[in-house]
Structure formats: structure tokens, C-alpha cells
Protein backbone atom coordinates (compact mmCIF):
# COMPACT_ATOMS: atom_id res chain seq x y z
CA MET A 1 75.90 84.01 127.02
CA LYS A 2 78.80 86.40 126.42
CA LYS A 3 79.89 84.55 123.26
CA ASN A 4 76.40 84.85 121.81
CA SER A 5 76.32 88.59 122.36
CA ILE A 6 79.73 88.96 120.71
CA ARG A 7 78.57 86.92 117.71
CA ILE A 8 75.38 88.92 117.38
CA GLY A 9 77.33 92.18 117.62
CA LEU A 10 79.79 91.11 114.94
CA LEU A 11 76.98 89.93 112.68
CA ALA A 12 75.16 93.23 113.11
CA ALA A 13 78.34 95.18 112.33
CA ALA A 14 78.95 93.08 109.20
CA ILE A 15 75.40 93.67 107.99
CA VAL A 16 75.74 97.42 108.59
CA PHE A 17 79.01 97.57 106.62
CA ILE A 18 77.54 95.54 103.75
CA VAL A 19 74.55 97.88 103.54
CA ILE A 20 76.80 100.96 103.64
CA GLY A 21 78.92 99.50 100.83
CA CYS A 22 75.86 98.78 98.70
CA VAL A 23 74.47 102.27 99.25
CA ASN A 24 77.81 103.79 98.16
CA LYS A 25 77.90 101.60 95.02
CA GLU A 26 81.08 99.91 96.27
CA PHE A 27 79.82 96.49 95.20
CA HIS A 28 80.45 97.39 91.56
CA ASP A 29 84.13 98.15 92.20
CA VAL A 30 84.63 94.95 94.18
CA PHE A 31 82.84 92.89 91.54
CA MET A 32 84.93 94.35 88.72
CA LYS A 33 88.17 93.68 90.61
CA ALA A 34 87.07 90.08 91.18
CA VAL A 35 86.28 89.67 87.49
CA TYR A 36 89.69 91.01 86.48
CA ILE A 37 91.48 88.73 88.93
CA CYS A 38 89.57 85.70 87.62
CA LEU A 39 90.31 86.61 84.01
CA GLU A 40 94.01 87.04 84.81
CA CYS A 41 94.04 83.66 86.56
CA ILE A 42 92.79 81.81 83.50
CA GLY A 43 94.98 83.84 81.17
CA ILE A 44 92.38 85.86 79.26
CA GLY A 45 92.92 89.24 80.88
């Protein structure tokens, strides 16, 4: 029972942080960094 409550708490915290990041437009920055890393990996960037 204790493990389930820990899992639910961590899942809730993750969802809250994802929503906060989306509200602050952080997803754009993370997406752009991921694109640049991928382009550098294949040698285009």
C-alpha cells in the first residue's frame, strides 16, 4: 500500500511540473535544444 501511494505522489508531482512548464512556454526551449542536438548528431548543425 505504501509503494502505491509513493507512485501516485510521484506521478502527481510529475504532472504538476509538466503543466507548469507548458504554462511557462518552457516546452519550446526544450524542443529547440533537442532539435539542435539531433542536428549536431547527424552532422547538419
